[in-house]
Protein backbone atom coordinates (compact mmCIF):
# COMPACT_ATOMS: atom_id res chain seq x y z
CA UNK A 1 -1.15 -22.70 -25.96
CA UNK A 2 -1.93 -25.55 -23.57
CA UNK A 3 -4.93 -25.46 -21.31
CA UNK A 4 -2.76 -25.73 -18.19
CA UNK A 5 -1.02 -22.42 -18.92
CA UNK A 6 -4.39 -20.63 -18.77
CA UNK A 7 -5.92 -22.76 -16.01
CA UNK A 8 -3.14 -22.19 -13.44
CA UNK A 9 -3.46 -18.38 -13.22
CA UNK A 10 -7.26 -18.65 -13.28
CA UNK A 11 -7.12 -21.16 -10.42
CA UNK A 12 -4.87 -18.86 -8.38
CA UNK A 13 -7.13 -15.86 -9.05
CA UNK A 14 -10.23 -17.82 -8.04
CA UNK A 15 -8.58 -19.14 -4.89
CA UNK A 16 -7.38 -15.66 -3.95
CA UNK A 17 -10.84 -14.17 -4.46
CA UNK A 18 -12.46 -16.91 -2.35
CA UNK A 19 -9.84 -16.37 0.35
CA UNK A 20 -10.58 -12.64 0.32
CA UNK A 21 -14.28 -13.32 0.85
CA UNK A 22 -13.43 -15.67 3.74
CA UNK A 23 -11.38 -12.90 5.36
CA UNK A 24 -14.23 -10.40 5.03
CA UNK A 25 -16.73 -12.86 6.52
CA UNK A 26 -14.37 -13.78 9.38
CA UNK A 27 -13.87 -10.10 10.19
CA UNK A 28 -17.39 -9.89 11.63
CA UNK A 29 -17.06 -13.07 13.66
CA UNK A 30 -16.85 -12.63 17.42
CA UNK A 31 -14.45 -12.24 19.16
CA UNK A 32 -12.06 -10.02 17.26
CA UNK A 33 -8.46 -10.85 18.16
CA UNK A 34 -7.53 -7.42 19.50
CA UNK A 35 -4.26 -8.52 21.13
CA UNK A 36 -3.01 -10.12 17.92
CA UNK A 37 -4.15 -7.05 15.99
CA UNK A 38 -2.15 -4.66 18.19
CA UNK A 39 0.94 -6.87 18.16
CA UNK A 40 0.92 -7.17 14.39
CA UNK A 41 0.28 -3.45 13.92
CA UNK A 42 3.27 -2.64 16.10
CA UNK A 43 5.43 -5.18 14.24
CA UNK A 44 4.47 -3.69 10.87
CA UNK A 45 5.25 -0.19 12.14
CA UNK A 46 8.70 -1.26 13.33
CA UNK A 47 9.67 -2.80 9.97
CA UNK A 48 8.25 -0.03 7.76
CA UNK A 49 8.50 3.36 9.46
CA UNK A 50 12.23 3.98 8.94
CA UNK A 51 12.22 2.87 5.28
CA UNK A 52 9.10 5.00 4.76
CA UNK A 53 10.85 8.14 5.94
CA UNK A 54 13.91 7.51 3.79
CA UNK A 55 11.74 6.77 0.75
CA UNK A 56 9.41 9.74 1.23
CA UNK A 57 12.18 12.35 1.22
CA UNK A 58 13.59 11.51 -2.24
CA UNK A 59 10.05 11.00 -3.57
CA UNK A 60 9.12 14.56 -2.69
CA UNK A 61 12.49 15.91 -3.82
CA UNK A 62 12.46 14.20 -7.21
CA UNK A 63 8.89 15.27 -7.92
CA UNK A 64 9.64 18.87 -6.91
CA UNK A 65 12.78 19.02 -9.03
CA UNK A 66 11.27 17.41 -12.10
CA UNK A 67 7.93 19.21 -11.96
CA UNK A 68 9.58 22.50 -11.08
CA UNK A 69 11.96 22.28 -14.02
CA UNK A 70 9.18 21.34 -16.43
CA UNK A 71 6.81 24.08 -15.28
CA UNK A 72 9.61 26.63 -15.42
CA UNK A 73 9.99 25.91 -19.13
CA UNK A 74 6.38 27.00 -19.60
CA UNK A 75 6.84 30.11 -17.47
CA UNK A 76 4.40 28.99 -14.78
CA UNK A 77 6.63 28.87 -11.72
CA UNK A 78 3.75 29.94 -9.49
CA UNK A 79 2.07 26.56 -10.04
CA UNK A 80 5.05 24.50 -8.88
CA UNK A 81 3.64 24.00 -5.40
CA UNK A 82 0.27 22.72 -6.53
CA UNK A 83 1.70 20.36 -9.14
CA UNK A 84 4.34 18.88 -6.84
CA UNK A 85 2.11 18.55 -3.79
CA UNK A 86 -0.84 17.11 -5.68
CA UNK A 87 1.48 14.54 -7.25
CA UNK A 88 2.68 13.50 -3.80
CA UNK A 89 -0.78 13.45 -2.22
CA UNK A 90 -2.64 11.71 -5.06
CA UNK A 91 -0.07 9.24 -6.38
CA UNK A 92 3.37 9.15 -4.79
CA UNK A 93 2.16 8.80 -1.19
CA UNK A 94 -0.19 5.83 -1.71
CA UNK A 95 2.19 4.06 -4.11
CA UNK A 96 5.20 4.42 -1.81
CA UNK A 97 3.09 3.17 1.08
CA UNK A 98 1.89 0.20 -0.98
CA UNK A 99 5.40 -0.80 -2.02
CA UNK A 100 6.68 -0.68 1.55
CA UNK A 101 3.71 -2.56 2.97
CA UNK A 102 3.97 -5.25 0.30
CA UNK A 103 7.75 -5.50 0.41
CA UNK A 104 8.30 -5.42 4.17
CA UNK A 105 5.07 -6.38 5.93
CA UNK A 106 3.67 -8.61 3.16
CA UNK A 107 6.83 -10.66 2.81
CA UNK A 108 6.99 -11.13 6.60
CA UNK A 109 3.36 -12.30 6.69
CA UNK A 110 3.90 -14.74 3.81
CA UNK A 111 7.05 -16.14 5.43
CA UNK A 112 5.30 -16.54 8.79
CA UNK A 113 2.32 -18.40 7.37
CA UNK A 114 4.55 -20.45 5.07
CA UNK A 115 6.61 -21.60 8.03
CA UNK A 116 3.46 -22.45 9.95
CA UNK A 117 2.20 -24.43 6.95
CA UNK A 118 5.29 -26.62 6.54
CA UNK A 119 5.38 -27.21 10.32
CA UNK A 120 1.71 -28.23 10.09
CA UNK A 121 0.69 -25.69 12.74
CA UNK A 122 -2.26 -24.53 10.64
CA UNK A 123 -3.51 -28.11 10.29
CA UNK A 124 -3.17 -28.59 14.04
CA UNK A 125 -5.25 -25.47 14.67
CA UNK A 126 -8.02 -26.73 12.38
CA UNK A 127 -7.99 -30.12 14.15
CA UNK A 128 -8.53 -28.26 17.43
CA UNK A 129 -11.46 -26.40 15.89
CA UNK A 130 -9.64 -23.06 15.57
CA UNK A 131 -10.11 -21.20 12.30
CA UNK A 132 -6.67 -19.88 11.22
CA UNK A 133 -8.29 -17.20 9.08
CA UNK A 134 -10.24 -15.77 12.00
CA UNK A 135 -7.47 -16.25 14.55
CA UNK A 136 -4.39 -15.24 12.52
CA UNK A 137 -5.25 -13.74 9.14
CA UNK A 138 -7.94 -11.20 10.05
CA UNK A 139 -5.84 -9.35 12.69
CA UNK A 140 -2.89 -9.13 10.30
CA UNK A 141 -5.03 -7.87 7.42
CA UNK A 142 -6.60 -5.05 9.38
CA UNK A 143 -3.31 -4.22 11.06
CA UNK A 144 -1.88 -3.72 7.57
CA UNK A 145 -4.83 -1.50 6.66
CA UNK A 146 -4.40 0.66 9.76
CA UNK A 147 -0.64 1.02 9.35
CA UNK A 148 -0.98 1.70 5.60
CA UNK A 149 -3.25 4.68 6.32
CA UNK A 150 -0.81 6.01 8.93
CA UNK A 151 2.18 5.52 6.65
CA UNK A 152 0.39 7.28 3.83
CA UNK A 153 -0.03 10.31 6.06
CA UNK A 154 3.64 10.14 7.00
CA UNK A 155 4.75 9.88 3.36
CA UNK A 156 2.51 12.80 2.44
CA UNK A 157 3.84 15.05 5.18
CA UNK A 158 7.50 14.20 4.57
CA UNK A 159 7.08 14.35 0.79
CA UNK A 160 5.39 17.75 0.87
CA UNK A 161 8.00 19.11 3.28
CA UNK A 162 10.80 17.75 1.10
CA UNK A 163 9.23 19.22 -2.02
CA UNK A 164 8.89 22.60 -0.31
CA UNK A 165 12.53 22.57 0.76
CA UNK A 166 13.92 21.62 -2.63
CA UNK A 167 11.65 24.02 -4.51
CA UNK A 168 12.37 27.01 -2.28
CA UNK A 169 16.05 26.36 -1.59
CA UNK A 170 17.35 24.76 -4.80
CA UNK A 171 15.01 26.24 -7.41
CA UNK A 172 14.72 29.75 -5.98
CA UNK A 173 10.98 29.46 -5.52
CA UNK A 174 9.08 31.65 -3.09
CA UNK A 175 7.37 30.13 -0.04
CA UNK A 176 4.26 32.22 -0.58
CA UNK A 177 3.75 31.12 -4.17
CA UNK A 178 4.35 27.46 -3.26
CA UNK A 179 1.75 27.45 -0.51
CA UNK A 180 -0.75 29.67 -2.34
CA UNK A 181 -0.80 27.54 -5.48
CA UNK A 182 -1.25 24.39 -3.42
CA UNK A 183 -4.17 25.79 -1.43
CA UNK A 184 -5.75 27.13 -4.64
CA UNK A 185 -5.87 23.78 -6.48
CA UNK A 186 -5.88 21.11 -3.76
CA UNK A 187 -9.11 19.93 -2.17
CA UNK A 188 -10.22 17.60 0.59
CA UNK A 189 -11.26 14.75 -1.78
CA UNK A 190 -7.63 14.53 -2.91
CA UNK A 191 -6.61 13.51 0.59
CA UNK A 192 -9.62 11.21 0.99
CA UNK A 193 -8.72 9.46 -2.27
CA UNK A 194 -5.18 8.88 -1.01
CA UNK A 195 -6.47 7.42 2.26
CA UNK A 196 -8.87 5.10 0.44
CA UNK A 197 -6.08 3.98 -1.87
CA UNK A 198 -3.81 3.20 1.07
CA UNK A 199 -6.56 1.18 2.78
CA UNK A 200 -7.16 -0.86 -0.37
CA UNK A 201 -3.44 -1.37 -0.91
CA UNK A 202 -2.87 -2.50 2.66
CA UNK A 203 -5.81 -4.90 2.48
CA UNK A 204 -4.65 -6.44 -0.80
CA UNK A 205 -1.04 -6.76 0.31
CA UNK A 206 -1.99 -8.59 3.50
CA UNK A 207 -4.57 -10.86 1.83
CA UNK A 208 -2.21 -11.90 -0.98
CA UNK A 209 0.65 -12.52 1.45
CA UNK A 210 -1.51 -14.59 3.79
CA UNK A 211 -2.99 -16.60 0.90
CA UNK A 212 0.38 -17.46 -0.64
CA UNK A 213 1.89 -18.27 2.73
CA UNK A 214 -0.95 -20.55 3.81
CA UNK A 215 -0.73 -22.42 0.51
CA UNK A 216 3.05 -22.85 0.50
CA UNK A 217 4.28 -26.30 -0.50
CA UNK A 218 7.63 -28.03 -0.84
CA UNK A 219 9.42 -27.24 2.41
CA UNK A 220 11.65 -24.19 2.98
CA UNK A 221 12.08 -23.65 -0.77
CA UNK A 222 8.31 -23.50 -1.12
CA UNK A 223 8.17 -20.83 1.58
CA UNK A 224 10.71 -18.73 -0.30
CA UNK A 225 8.76 -19.16 -3.53
CA UNK A 226 5.55 -18.15 -1.77
CA UNK A 227 7.15 -14.95 -0.47
CA UNK A 228 8.46 -14.03 -3.92
CA UNK A 229 5.13 -14.78 -5.58
CA UNK A 230 3.20 -12.76 -3.01
CA UNK A 231 5.35 -9.68 -3.60
CA UNK A 232 5.10 -9.96 -7.40
CA UNK A 233 1.33 -10.52 -7.37
CA UNK A 234 0.80 -7.68 -4.90
CA UNK A 235 2.85 -5.21 -6.94
CA UNK A 236 0.89 -6.12 -10.07
CA UNK A 237 -2.47 -5.75 -8.32
CA UNK A 238 -1.48 -2.47 -6.72
CA UNK A 239 -0.62 -0.74 -9.98
CA UNK A 240 -3.81 -2.01 -11.63
CA UNK A 241 -5.97 -0.92 -8.69
CA UNK A 242 -4.18 2.43 -8.54
CA UNK A 243 -5.04 3.09 -12.18
CA UNK A 244 -8.69 2.11 -11.69
CA UNK A 245 -9.17 4.19 -8.53
CA UNK A 246 -7.46 7.21 -10.10
CA UNK A 247 -9.58 6.95 -13.25
CA UNK A 248 -12.81 6.69 -11.22
CA UNK A 249 -11.76 9.61 -9.02
CA UNK A 250 -11.06 11.84 -12.01
CA UNK A 251 -14.53 11.10 -13.36
CA UNK A 252 -16.40 11.61 -10.09
CA UNK A 253 -14.55 14.59 -8.60
CA UNK A 254 -14.14 17.66 -10.82
CA UNK A 255 -10.82 19.50 -10.54
CA UNK A 256 -10.73 22.64 -8.47
CA UNK A 257 -10.33 25.83 -10.50
CA UNK A 258 -8.20 28.81 -9.71
């Protein structure tokens, strides 16, 4: 194996980590670009809210159907609500939110910065003494974080409602057992974990997209490559981070007993 094969990913990882630190430092620099933040948050909402609703419904339905059928084989139909809802709250909600943020908002951010790079707008800003990270990246990153938290709540609500409908209507479950089992096993830290996951996912998606876009090379083809690379890298990071956060949560927060 040649040294270049190992050095290239390490160089990208190091550059991405340094870029992330620059974003965190620039966040506390005055003034915060509130207008840009609001505009980007609204843009991200417009490109993600409809797909989020259409993704959340089948997520909740599939989980309810699969979990309900499996639990029925063990004769524990009364636990269908808790199993399905906890799966949506803990895992399905944050992951669906992350995929939509990375696929829709992240690709748009990477394409925007890539176009600015090949038009040399970012270089012009630096010549004028304007930091592109502070002026453009920071508002987009925190807009992604804010919208990711909101979308996670939307996915959770729609997923739970969809799971309730499919369990009660299609699997002949009882509304009382569904709700009672959920309230018996669910706890507030489950929701807090999901919100923290969504914040981390939104932050990573925006940082990776901005980094790849601002380092795009090779004209329009380079912009397209940067968008593709940002989505692939973000998806990989999201699943790794999801595993780590879930493992830490299971160690720190004991499950709630019946």
